[in-house]
mmCIF file of all heavy atoms, coordinates in Angstrom:
data_MODEL
# 
_entry.id   MODEL 
# 
loop_
_atom_site.group_PDB 
_atom_site.id 
_atom_site.type_symbol 
_atom_site.label_atom_id 
_atom_site.label_alt_id 
_atom_site.label_comp_id 
_atom_site.label_asym_id 
_atom_site.label_entity_id 
_atom_site.label_seq_id 
_atom_site.pdbx_PDB_ins_code 
_atom_site.Cartn_x 
_atom_site.Cartn_y 
_atom_site.Cartn_z 
_atom_site.occupancy 
_atom_site.B_iso_or_equiv 
_atom_site.pdbx_formal_charge 
_atom_site.auth_seq_id 
_atom_site.auth_comp_id 
_atom_site.auth_asym_id 
_atom_site.auth_atom_id 
_atom_site.pdbx_PDB_model_num 
ATOM 1   N N   . ILE A 1 1  ? -8.352  26.489 105.824 1.00 0.00 ? 1  ILE A N   1 
ATOM 2   C CA  . ILE A 1 1  ? -9.636  26.407 106.330 1.00 0.00 ? 1  ILE A CA  1 
ATOM 3   C C   . ILE A 1 1  ? -10.676 27.284 105.389 1.00 0.00 ? 1  ILE A C   1 
ATOM 4   O O   . ILE A 1 1  ? -11.816 26.791 105.132 1.00 0.00 ? 1  ILE A O   1 
ATOM 5   C CB  . ILE A 1 1  ? -9.791  26.698 107.738 1.00 0.00 ? 1  ILE A CB  1 
ATOM 6   C CG1 . ILE A 1 1  ? -9.104  25.704 108.524 1.00 0.00 ? 1  ILE A CG1 1 
ATOM 7   C CG2 . ILE A 1 1  ? -11.247 26.891 108.334 1.00 0.00 ? 1  ILE A CG2 1 
ATOM 8   C CD1 . ILE A 1 1  ? -8.782  25.974 110.013 1.00 0.00 ? 1  ILE A CD1 1 
ATOM 9   N N   . PRO A 1 2  ? -10.331 28.477 105.174 1.00 0.00 ? 2  PRO A N   1 
ATOM 10  C CA  . PRO A 1 2  ? -11.315 29.280 104.325 1.00 0.00 ? 2  PRO A CA  1 
ATOM 11  C C   . PRO A 1 2  ? -11.651 28.609 102.980 1.00 0.00 ? 2  PRO A C   1 
ATOM 12  O O   . PRO A 1 2  ? -12.723 28.794 102.479 1.00 0.00 ? 2  PRO A O   1 
ATOM 13  C CB  . PRO A 1 2  ? -10.646 30.536 104.148 1.00 0.00 ? 2  PRO A CB  1 
ATOM 14  C CG  . PRO A 1 2  ? -9.704  30.741 105.381 1.00 0.00 ? 2  PRO A CG  1 
ATOM 15  C CD  . PRO A 1 2  ? -9.160  29.287 105.545 1.00 0.00 ? 2  PRO A CD  1 
ATOM 16  N N   . VAL A 1 3  ? -10.726 27.896 102.369 1.00 0.00 ? 3  VAL A N   1 
ATOM 17  C CA  . VAL A 1 3  ? -10.912 27.251 101.075 1.00 0.00 ? 3  VAL A CA  1 
ATOM 18  C C   . VAL A 1 3  ? -11.930 26.229 101.333 1.00 0.00 ? 3  VAL A C   1 
ATOM 19  O O   . VAL A 1 3  ? -12.856 25.979 100.464 1.00 0.00 ? 3  VAL A O   1 
ATOM 20  C CB  . VAL A 1 3  ? -9.598  26.804 100.577 1.00 0.00 ? 3  VAL A CB  1 
ATOM 21  C CG1 . VAL A 1 3  ? -9.834  26.004 99.088  1.00 0.00 ? 3  VAL A CG1 1 
ATOM 22  C CG2 . VAL A 1 3  ? -8.621  27.943 100.271 1.00 0.00 ? 3  VAL A CG2 1 
ATOM 23  N N   . ILE A 1 4  ? -11.733 25.405 102.294 1.00 0.00 ? 4  ILE A N   1 
ATOM 24  C CA  . ILE A 1 4  ? -12.675 24.226 102.671 1.00 0.00 ? 4  ILE A CA  1 
ATOM 25  C C   . ILE A 1 4  ? -14.013 24.822 102.923 1.00 0.00 ? 4  ILE A C   1 
ATOM 26  O O   . ILE A 1 4  ? -15.047 24.294 102.442 1.00 0.00 ? 4  ILE A O   1 
ATOM 27  C CB  . ILE A 1 4  ? -12.074 23.383 103.815 1.00 0.00 ? 4  ILE A CB  1 
ATOM 28  C CG1 . ILE A 1 4  ? -10.848 22.759 103.539 1.00 0.00 ? 4  ILE A CG1 1 
ATOM 29  C CG2 . ILE A 1 4  ? -13.108 22.334 104.243 1.00 0.00 ? 4  ILE A CG2 1 
ATOM 30  C CD1 . ILE A 1 4  ? -10.091 22.046 104.598 1.00 0.00 ? 4  ILE A CD1 1 
ATOM 31  N N   . ALA A 1 5  ? -14.020 25.847 103.759 1.00 0.00 ? 5  ALA A N   1 
ATOM 32  C CA  . ALA A 1 5  ? -15.326 26.493 104.058 1.00 0.00 ? 5  ALA A CA  1 
ATOM 33  C C   . ALA A 1 5  ? -16.107 26.941 102.799 1.00 0.00 ? 5  ALA A C   1 
ATOM 34  O O   . ALA A 1 5  ? -17.358 26.799 102.714 1.00 0.00 ? 5  ALA A O   1 
ATOM 35  C CB  . ALA A 1 5  ? -15.106 27.550 105.086 1.00 0.00 ? 5  ALA A CB  1 
ATOM 36  N N   . ALA A 1 6  ? -15.492 27.601 102.045 1.00 0.00 ? 6  ALA A N   1 
ATOM 37  C CA  . ALA A 1 6  ? -15.979 28.179 100.805 1.00 0.00 ? 6  ALA A CA  1 
ATOM 38  C C   . ALA A 1 6  ? -16.500 27.099 99.807  1.00 0.00 ? 6  ALA A C   1 
ATOM 39  O O   . ALA A 1 6  ? -17.352 27.373 98.926  1.00 0.00 ? 6  ALA A O   1 
ATOM 40  C CB  . ALA A 1 6  ? -15.017 29.145 100.094 1.00 0.00 ? 6  ALA A CB  1 
ATOM 41  N N   . SER A 1 7  ? -15.988 25.856 99.983  1.00 0.00 ? 7  SER A N   1 
ATOM 42  C CA  . SER A 1 7  ? -16.505 24.722 99.021  1.00 0.00 ? 7  SER A CA  1 
ATOM 43  C C   . SER A 1 7  ? -17.733 24.055 99.631  1.00 0.00 ? 7  SER A C   1 
ATOM 44  O O   . SER A 1 7  ? -18.238 23.170 99.014  1.00 0.00 ? 7  SER A O   1 
ATOM 45  C CB  . SER A 1 7  ? -15.442 23.726 98.806  1.00 0.00 ? 7  SER A CB  1 
ATOM 46  O OG  . SER A 1 7  ? -15.184 22.992 100.089 1.00 0.00 ? 7  SER A OG  1 
ATOM 47  N N   . GLN A 1 8  ? -18.243 24.450 100.857 1.00 0.00 ? 8  GLN A N   1 
ATOM 48  C CA  . GLN A 1 8  ? -19.339 23.826 101.375 1.00 0.00 ? 8  GLN A CA  1 
ATOM 49  C C   . GLN A 1 8  ? -20.634 24.477 100.979 1.00 0.00 ? 8  GLN A C   1 
ATOM 50  O O   . GLN A 1 8  ? -20.726 25.774 100.837 1.00 0.00 ? 8  GLN A O   1 
ATOM 51  C CB  . GLN A 1 8  ? -19.297 23.967 102.982 1.00 0.00 ? 8  GLN A CB  1 
ATOM 52  C CG  . GLN A 1 8  ? -20.329 23.314 103.739 1.00 0.00 ? 8  GLN A CG  1 
ATOM 53  C CD  . GLN A 1 8  ? -20.074 23.223 105.186 1.00 0.00 ? 8  GLN A CD  1 
ATOM 54  O OE1 . GLN A 1 8  ? -19.614 24.316 105.721 1.00 0.00 ? 8  GLN A OE1 1 
ATOM 55  N NE2 . GLN A 1 8  ? -20.469 22.140 105.930 1.00 0.00 ? 8  GLN A NE2 1 
ATOM 56  N N   . ARG A 1 9  ? -21.674 23.745 100.606 1.00 0.00 ? 9  ARG A N   1 
ATOM 57  C CA  . ARG A 1 9  ? -22.858 24.241 100.333 1.00 0.00 ? 9  ARG A CA  1 
ATOM 58  C C   . ARG A 1 9  ? -23.593 24.856 101.540 1.00 0.00 ? 9  ARG A C   1 
ATOM 59  O O   . ARG A 1 9  ? -23.298 24.633 102.679 1.00 0.00 ? 9  ARG A O   1 
ATOM 60  C CB  . ARG A 1 9  ? -23.881 23.168 99.838  1.00 0.00 ? 9  ARG A CB  1 
ATOM 61  C CG  . ARG A 1 9  ? -23.702 22.840 98.314  1.00 0.00 ? 9  ARG A CG  1 
ATOM 62  C CD  . ARG A 1 9  ? -24.796 22.020 97.784  1.00 0.00 ? 9  ARG A CD  1 
ATOM 63  N NE  . ARG A 1 9  ? -25.551 21.193 98.641  1.00 0.00 ? 9  ARG A NE  1 
ATOM 64  C CZ  . ARG A 1 9  ? -26.037 19.976 98.298  1.00 0.00 ? 9  ARG A CZ  1 
ATOM 65  N NH1 . ARG A 1 9  ? -25.795 19.465 97.086  1.00 0.00 ? 9  ARG A NH1 1 
ATOM 66  N NH2 . ARG A 1 9  ? -26.751 19.255 99.117  1.00 0.00 ? 9  ARG A NH2 1 
ATOM 67  N N   . ALA A 1 10 ? -24.622 25.716 101.345 1.00 0.00 ? 10 ALA A N   1 
ATOM 68  C CA  . ALA A 1 10 ? -25.282 26.474 102.311 1.00 0.00 ? 10 ALA A CA  1 
ATOM 69  C C   . ALA A 1 10 ? -26.025 25.494 103.261 1.00 0.00 ? 10 ALA A C   1 
ATOM 70  O O   . ALA A 1 10 ? -26.060 25.809 104.572 1.00 0.00 ? 10 ALA A O   1 
ATOM 71  C CB  . ALA A 1 10 ? -26.242 27.409 101.739 1.00 0.00 ? 10 ALA A CB  1 
ATOM 72  N N   . ASP A 1 11 ? -26.432 24.305 102.789 1.00 0.00 ? 11 ASP A N   1 
ATOM 73  C CA  . ASP A 1 11 ? -27.125 23.391 103.565 1.00 0.00 ? 11 ASP A CA  1 
ATOM 74  C C   . ASP A 1 11 ? -26.248 22.496 104.449 1.00 0.00 ? 11 ASP A C   1 
ATOM 75  O O   . ASP A 1 11 ? -26.612 21.635 105.212 1.00 0.00 ? 11 ASP A O   1 
ATOM 76  C CB  . ASP A 1 11 ? -28.048 22.547 102.840 1.00 0.00 ? 11 ASP A CB  1 
ATOM 77  C CG  . ASP A 1 11 ? -27.433 21.693 101.888 1.00 0.00 ? 11 ASP A CG  1 
ATOM 78  O OD1 . ASP A 1 11 ? -26.189 21.593 101.711 1.00 0.00 ? 11 ASP A OD1 1 
ATOM 79  O OD2 . ASP A 1 11 ? -28.117 20.828 101.124 1.00 0.00 ? 11 ASP A OD2 1 
ATOM 80  N N   . GLY A 1 12 ? -24.941 22.643 104.280 1.00 0.00 ? 12 GLY A N   1 
ATOM 81  C CA  . GLY A 1 12 ? -23.972 21.909 104.979 1.00 0.00 ? 12 GLY A CA  1 
ATOM 82  C C   . GLY A 1 12 ? -23.266 20.884 104.328 1.00 0.00 ? 12 GLY A C   1 
ATOM 83  O O   . GLY A 1 12 ? -22.281 20.311 104.683 1.00 0.00 ? 12 GLY A O   1 
ATOM 84  N N   . TYR A 1 13 ? -23.820 20.407 103.186 1.00 0.00 ? 13 TYR A N   1 
ATOM 85  C CA  . TYR A 1 13 ? -23.194 19.336 102.326 1.00 0.00 ? 13 TYR A CA  1 
ATOM 86  C C   . TYR A 1 13 ? -21.825 19.794 101.800 1.00 0.00 ? 13 TYR A C   1 
ATOM 87  O O   . TYR A 1 13 ? -21.701 20.843 101.310 1.00 0.00 ? 13 TYR A O   1 
ATOM 88  C CB  . TYR A 1 13 ? -24.170 18.988 101.202 1.00 0.00 ? 13 TYR A CB  1 
ATOM 89  C CG  . TYR A 1 13 ? -23.645 17.881 100.281 1.00 0.00 ? 13 TYR A CG  1 
ATOM 90  C CD1 . TYR A 1 13 ? -23.801 16.482 100.731 1.00 0.00 ? 13 TYR A CD1 1 
ATOM 91  C CD2 . TYR A 1 13 ? -22.972 18.103 99.145  1.00 0.00 ? 13 TYR A CD2 1 
ATOM 92  C CE1 . TYR A 1 13 ? -23.303 15.454 99.940  1.00 0.00 ? 13 TYR A CE1 1 
ATOM 93  C CE2 . TYR A 1 13 ? -22.479 17.080 98.286  1.00 0.00 ? 13 TYR A CE2 1 
ATOM 94  C CZ  . TYR A 1 13 ? -22.643 15.828 98.733  1.00 0.00 ? 13 TYR A CZ  1 
ATOM 95  O OH  . TYR A 1 13 ? -22.095 14.856 97.826  1.00 0.00 ? 13 TYR A OH  1 
ATOM 96  N N   . ILE A 1 14 ? -20.904 18.841 101.905 1.00 0.00 ? 14 ILE A N   1 
ATOM 97  C CA  . ILE A 1 14 ? -19.499 19.239 101.538 1.00 0.00 ? 14 ILE A CA  1 
ATOM 98  C C   . ILE A 1 14 ? -18.835 17.732 100.915 1.00 0.00 ? 14 ILE A C   1 
ATOM 99  O O   . ILE A 1 14 ? -18.654 16.993 101.661 1.00 0.00 ? 14 ILE A O   1 
ATOM 100 C CB  . ILE A 1 14 ? -18.628 19.859 102.433 1.00 0.00 ? 14 ILE A CB  1 
ATOM 101 C CG1 . ILE A 1 14 ? -17.220 20.068 101.827 1.00 0.00 ? 14 ILE A CG1 1 
ATOM 102 C CG2 . ILE A 1 14 ? -18.600 19.166 103.790 1.00 0.00 ? 14 ILE A CG2 1 
ATOM 103 C CD1 . ILE A 1 14 ? -16.487 20.996 102.815 1.00 0.00 ? 14 ILE A CD1 1 
ATOM 104 N N   . HIS A 1 15 ? -18.690 17.836 99.524  1.00 0.00 ? 15 HIS A N   1 
ATOM 105 C CA  . HIS A 1 15 ? -18.061 16.638 98.870  1.00 0.00 ? 15 HIS A CA  1 
ATOM 106 C C   . HIS A 1 15 ? -17.692 17.137 97.591  1.00 0.00 ? 15 HIS A C   1 
ATOM 107 O O   . HIS A 1 15 ? -18.583 17.275 96.664  1.00 0.00 ? 15 HIS A O   1 
ATOM 108 C CB  . HIS A 1 15 ? -19.106 15.421 98.853  1.00 0.00 ? 15 HIS A CB  1 
ATOM 109 C CG  . HIS A 1 15 ? -18.460 14.178 98.159  1.00 0.00 ? 15 HIS A CG  1 
ATOM 110 N ND1 . HIS A 1 15 ? -17.403 13.584 98.700  1.00 0.00 ? 15 HIS A ND1 1 
ATOM 111 C CD2 . HIS A 1 15 ? -18.910 13.537 97.025  1.00 0.00 ? 15 HIS A CD2 1 
ATOM 112 C CE1 . HIS A 1 15 ? -17.064 12.523 97.807  1.00 0.00 ? 15 HIS A CE1 1 
ATOM 113 N NE2 . HIS A 1 15 ? -18.057 12.494 96.829  1.00 0.00 ? 15 HIS A NE2 1 
ATOM 114 N N   . THR A 1 16 ? -16.385 17.389 97.318  1.00 0.00 ? 16 THR A N   1 
ATOM 115 C CA  . THR A 1 16 ? -15.971 18.140 96.017  1.00 0.00 ? 16 THR A CA  1 
ATOM 116 C C   . THR A 1 16 ? -16.447 17.540 94.726  1.00 0.00 ? 16 THR A C   1 
ATOM 117 O O   . THR A 1 16 ? -16.801 18.217 93.839  1.00 0.00 ? 16 THR A O   1 
ATOM 118 C CB  . THR A 1 16 ? -14.457 18.411 96.161  1.00 0.00 ? 16 THR A CB  1 
ATOM 119 O OG1 . THR A 1 16 ? -13.837 17.103 96.171  1.00 0.00 ? 16 THR A OG1 1 
ATOM 120 C CG2 . THR A 1 16 ? -14.115 19.170 97.377  1.00 0.00 ? 16 THR A CG2 1 
ATOM 121 N N   . PRO A 1 17 ? -16.394 16.165 94.572  1.00 0.00 ? 17 PRO A N   1 
ATOM 122 C CA  . PRO A 1 17 ? -16.850 15.593 93.258  1.00 0.00 ? 17 PRO A CA  1 
ATOM 123 C C   . PRO A 1 17 ? -18.188 16.101 92.957  1.00 0.00 ? 17 PRO A C   1 
ATOM 124 O O   . PRO A 1 17 ? -18.488 16.304 91.879  1.00 0.00 ? 17 PRO A O   1 
ATOM 125 C CB  . PRO A 1 17 ? -16.660 14.108 93.560  1.00 0.00 ? 17 PRO A CB  1 
ATOM 126 C CG  . PRO A 1 17 ? -15.655 13.931 94.669  1.00 0.00 ? 17 PRO A CG  1 
ATOM 127 C CD  . PRO A 1 17 ? -15.981 15.074 95.480  1.00 0.00 ? 17 PRO A CD  1 
ATOM 128 N N   . VAL A 1 18 ? -19.113 15.972 93.870  1.00 0.00 ? 18 VAL A N   1 
ATOM 129 C CA  . VAL A 1 18 ? -20.521 16.345 93.631  1.00 0.00 ? 18 VAL A CA  1 
ATOM 130 C C   . VAL A 1 18 ? -20.807 17.868 93.411  1.00 0.00 ? 18 VAL A C   1 
ATOM 131 O O   . VAL A 1 18 ? -21.362 18.227 92.586  1.00 0.00 ? 18 VAL A O   1 
ATOM 132 C CB  . VAL A 1 18 ? -21.395 15.776 94.743  1.00 0.00 ? 18 VAL A CB  1 
ATOM 133 C CG1 . VAL A 1 18 ? -22.850 16.348 94.597  1.00 0.00 ? 18 VAL A CG1 1 
ATOM 134 C CG2 . VAL A 1 18 ? -21.532 14.349 94.736  1.00 0.00 ? 18 VAL A CG2 1 
ATOM 135 N N   . ILE A 1 19 ? -20.063 18.581 94.373  1.00 0.00 ? 19 ILE A N   1 
ATOM 136 C CA  . ILE A 1 19 ? -20.232 20.022 94.305  1.00 0.00 ? 19 ILE A CA  1 
ATOM 137 C C   . ILE A 1 19 ? -19.658 20.621 92.959  1.00 0.00 ? 19 ILE A C   1 
ATOM 138 O O   . ILE A 1 19 ? -20.244 21.541 92.445  1.00 0.00 ? 19 ILE A O   1 
ATOM 139 C CB  . ILE A 1 19 ? -19.605 20.652 95.539  1.00 0.00 ? 19 ILE A CB  1 
ATOM 140 C CG1 . ILE A 1 19 ? -20.291 20.348 96.721  1.00 0.00 ? 19 ILE A CG1 1 
ATOM 141 C CG2 . ILE A 1 19 ? -19.509 22.223 95.421  1.00 0.00 ? 19 ILE A CG2 1 
ATOM 142 C CD1 . ILE A 1 19 ? -19.740 20.762 98.120  1.00 0.00 ? 19 ILE A CD1 1 
ATOM 143 N N   . ILE A 1 20 ? -18.639 20.173 92.562  1.00 0.00 ? 20 ILE A N   1 
ATOM 144 C CA  . ILE A 1 20 ? -18.033 20.689 91.235  1.00 0.00 ? 20 ILE A CA  1 
ATOM 145 C C   . ILE A 1 20 ? -18.972 20.342 90.162  1.00 0.00 ? 20 ILE A C   1 
ATOM 146 O O   . ILE A 1 20 ? -19.167 21.223 89.310  1.00 0.00 ? 20 ILE A O   1 
ATOM 147 C CB  . ILE A 1 20 ? -16.554 20.020 91.091  1.00 0.00 ? 20 ILE A CB  1 
ATOM 148 C CG1 . ILE A 1 20 ? -15.505 20.609 92.075  1.00 0.00 ? 20 ILE A CG1 1 
ATOM 149 C CG2 . ILE A 1 20 ? -16.099 20.204 89.580  1.00 0.00 ? 20 ILE A CG2 1 
ATOM 150 C CD1 . ILE A 1 20 ? -14.194 19.781 92.012  1.00 0.00 ? 20 ILE A CD1 1 
ATOM 151 N N   . GLU A 1 21 ? -19.539 19.218 90.091  1.00 0.00 ? 21 GLU A N   1 
ATOM 152 C CA  . GLU A 1 21 ? -20.436 18.789 89.012  1.00 0.00 ? 21 GLU A CA  1 
ATOM 153 C C   . GLU A 1 21 ? -21.689 19.724 89.134  1.00 0.00 ? 21 GLU A C   1 
ATOM 154 O O   . GLU A 1 21 ? -22.228 20.137 88.097  1.00 0.00 ? 21 GLU A O   1 
ATOM 155 C CB  . GLU A 1 21 ? -20.797 17.334 88.964  1.00 0.00 ? 21 GLU A CB  1 
ATOM 156 C CG  . GLU A 1 21 ? -19.546 16.471 88.647  1.00 0.00 ? 21 GLU A CG  1 
ATOM 157 C CD  . GLU A 1 21 ? -19.046 16.902 87.128  1.00 0.00 ? 21 GLU A CD  1 
ATOM 158 O OE1 . GLU A 1 21 ? -19.862 17.039 86.285  1.00 0.00 ? 21 GLU A OE1 1 
ATOM 159 O OE2 . GLU A 1 21 ? -17.806 17.083 87.192  1.00 0.00 ? 21 GLU A OE2 1 
ATOM 160 N N   . GLN A 1 22 ? -22.048 19.889 90.320  1.00 0.00 ? 22 GLN A N   1 
ATOM 161 C CA  . GLN A 1 22 ? -23.475 20.687 90.523  1.00 0.00 ? 22 GLN A CA  1 
ATOM 162 C C   . GLN A 1 22 ? -23.206 22.173 90.091  1.00 0.00 ? 22 GLN A C   1 
ATOM 163 O O   . GLN A 1 22 ? -24.069 22.812 89.549  1.00 0.00 ? 22 GLN A O   1 
ATOM 164 C CB  . GLN A 1 22 ? -23.822 20.622 91.996  1.00 0.00 ? 22 GLN A CB  1 
ATOM 165 C CG  . GLN A 1 22 ? -24.504 19.226 92.396  1.00 0.00 ? 22 GLN A CG  1 
ATOM 166 C CD  . GLN A 1 22 ? -24.964 19.254 93.847  1.00 0.00 ? 22 GLN A CD  1 
ATOM 167 O OE1 . GLN A 1 22 ? -24.453 20.031 94.686  1.00 0.00 ? 22 GLN A OE1 1 
ATOM 168 N NE2 . GLN A 1 22 ? -25.744 18.201 94.132  1.00 0.00 ? 22 GLN A NE2 1 
ATOM 169 N N   . LYS A 1 23 ? -22.068 22.654 90.375  1.00 0.00 ? 23 LYS A N   1 
ATOM 170 C CA  . LYS A 1 23 ? -21.772 24.064 89.985  1.00 0.00 ? 23 LYS A CA  1 
ATOM 171 C C   . LYS A 1 23 ? -21.726 24.240 88.344  1.00 0.00 ? 23 LYS A C   1 
ATOM 172 O O   . LYS A 1 23 ? -21.914 25.286 87.936  1.00 0.00 ? 23 LYS A O   1 
ATOM 173 C CB  . LYS A 1 23 ? -20.451 24.620 90.601  1.00 0.00 ? 23 LYS A CB  1 
ATOM 174 C CG  . LYS A 1 23 ? -20.411 24.972 92.126  1.00 0.00 ? 23 LYS A CG  1 
ATOM 175 C CD  . LYS A 1 23 ? -19.333 25.600 92.575  1.00 0.00 ? 23 LYS A CD  1 
ATOM 176 C CE  . LYS A 1 23 ? -19.667 26.094 94.015  1.00 0.00 ? 23 LYS A CE  1 
ATOM 177 N NZ  . LYS A 1 23 ? -18.627 26.985 94.363  1.00 0.00 ? 23 LYS A NZ  1 
ATOM 178 N N   . LYS A 1 24 ? -21.381 23.177 87.783  1.00 0.00 ? 24 LYS A N   1 
ATOM 179 C CA  . LYS A 1 24 ? -21.460 23.157 86.373  1.00 0.00 ? 24 LYS A CA  1 
ATOM 180 C C   . LYS A 1 24 ? -22.804 22.835 85.819  1.00 0.00 ? 24 LYS A C   1 
ATOM 181 O O   . LYS A 1 24 ? -23.059 22.867 84.517  1.00 0.00 ? 24 LYS A O   1 
ATOM 182 C CB  . LYS A 1 24 ? -20.551 22.036 85.724  1.00 0.00 ? 24 LYS A CB  1 
ATOM 183 C CG  . LYS A 1 24 ? -19.052 22.329 85.955  1.00 0.00 ? 24 LYS A CG  1 
ATOM 184 C CD  . LYS A 1 24 ? -18.076 21.199 85.888  1.00 0.00 ? 24 LYS A CD  1 
ATOM 185 C CE  . LYS A 1 24 ? -18.324 20.548 84.538  1.00 0.00 ? 24 LYS A CE  1 
ATOM 186 N NZ  . LYS A 1 24 ? -17.391 19.273 84.409  1.00 0.00 ? 24 LYS A NZ  1 
ATOM 187 N N   . GLN A 1 25 ? -23.770 22.589 86.771  1.00 0.00 ? 25 GLN A N   1 
ATOM 188 C CA  . GLN A 1 25 ? -25.173 22.397 86.386  1.00 0.00 ? 25 GLN A CA  1 
ATOM 189 C C   . GLN A 1 25 ? -25.432 21.302 85.470  1.00 0.00 ? 25 GLN A C   1 
ATOM 190 O O   . GLN A 1 25 ? -26.082 21.307 84.485  1.00 0.00 ? 25 GLN A O   1 
ATOM 191 C CB  . GLN A 1 25 ? -25.754 23.676 85.840  1.00 0.00 ? 25 GLN A CB  1 
ATOM 192 C CG  . GLN A 1 25 ? -25.877 24.726 86.803  1.00 0.00 ? 25 GLN A CG  1 
ATOM 193 C CD  . GLN A 1 25 ? -26.557 26.104 86.224  1.00 0.00 ? 25 GLN A CD  1 
ATOM 194 O OE1 . GLN A 1 25 ? -26.759 26.167 85.039  1.00 0.00 ? 25 GLN A OE1 1 
ATOM 195 N NE2 . GLN A 1 25 ? -26.940 26.983 87.117  1.00 0.00 ? 25 GLN A NE2 1 
ATOM 196 N N   . GLU A 1 26 ? -24.637 20.123 85.676  1.00 0.00 ? 26 GLU A N   1 
ATOM 197 C CA  . GLU A 1 26 ? -24.659 19.003 84.934  1.00 0.00 ? 26 GLU A CA  1 
ATOM 198 C C   . GLU A 1 26 ? -25.503 17.995 85.664  1.00 0.00 ? 26 GLU A C   1 
ATOM 199 O O   . GLU A 1 26 ? -25.455 17.826 86.796  1.00 0.00 ? 26 GLU A O   1 
ATOM 200 C CB  . GLU A 1 26 ? -23.321 18.490 84.557  1.00 0.00 ? 26 GLU A CB  1 
ATOM 201 C CG  . GLU A 1 26 ? -22.465 19.317 83.585  1.00 0.00 ? 26 GLU A CG  1 
ATOM 202 C CD  . GLU A 1 26 ? -21.284 18.769 83.135  1.00 0.00 ? 26 GLU A CD  1 
ATOM 203 O OE1 . GLU A 1 26 ? -20.918 17.481 83.630  1.00 0.00 ? 26 GLU A OE1 1 
ATOM 204 O OE2 . GLU A 1 26 ? -20.422 19.411 82.473  1.00 0.00 ? 26 GLU A OE2 1 
ATOM 205 N N   . ALA A 1 27 ? -26.280 17.228 85.071  1.00 0.00 ? 27 ALA A N   1 
ATOM 206 C CA  . ALA A 1 27 ? -27.220 16.110 85.593  1.00 0.00 ? 27 ALA A CA  1 
ATOM 207 C C   . ALA A 1 27 ? -26.257 14.990 85.924  1.00 0.00 ? 27 ALA A C   1 
ATOM 208 O O   . ALA A 1 27 ? -25.203 14.803 85.465  1.00 0.00 ? 27 ALA A O   1 
ATOM 209 C CB  . ALA A 1 27 ? -28.226 15.732 84.552  1.00 0.00 ? 27 ALA A CB  1 
ATOM 210 N N   . GLY A 1 28 ? -26.895 14.202 86.912  1.00 0.00 ? 28 GLY A N   1 
ATOM 211 C CA  . GLY A 1 28 ? -26.213 12.876 87.140  1.00 0.00 ? 28 GLY A CA  1 
ATOM 212 C C   . GLY A 1 28 ? -25.334 12.909 88.375  1.00 0.00 ? 28 GLY A C   1 
ATOM 213 O O   . GLY A 1 28 ? -24.752 11.963 88.887  1.00 0.00 ? 28 GLY A O   1 
# 
């Protein structure tokens, strides 16, 4: 559970394909 929780954005959005790309600050 803590791993899932830590992957969630502050606004509540959670979807690893998008979050991983956003953390890399890549467009698209």
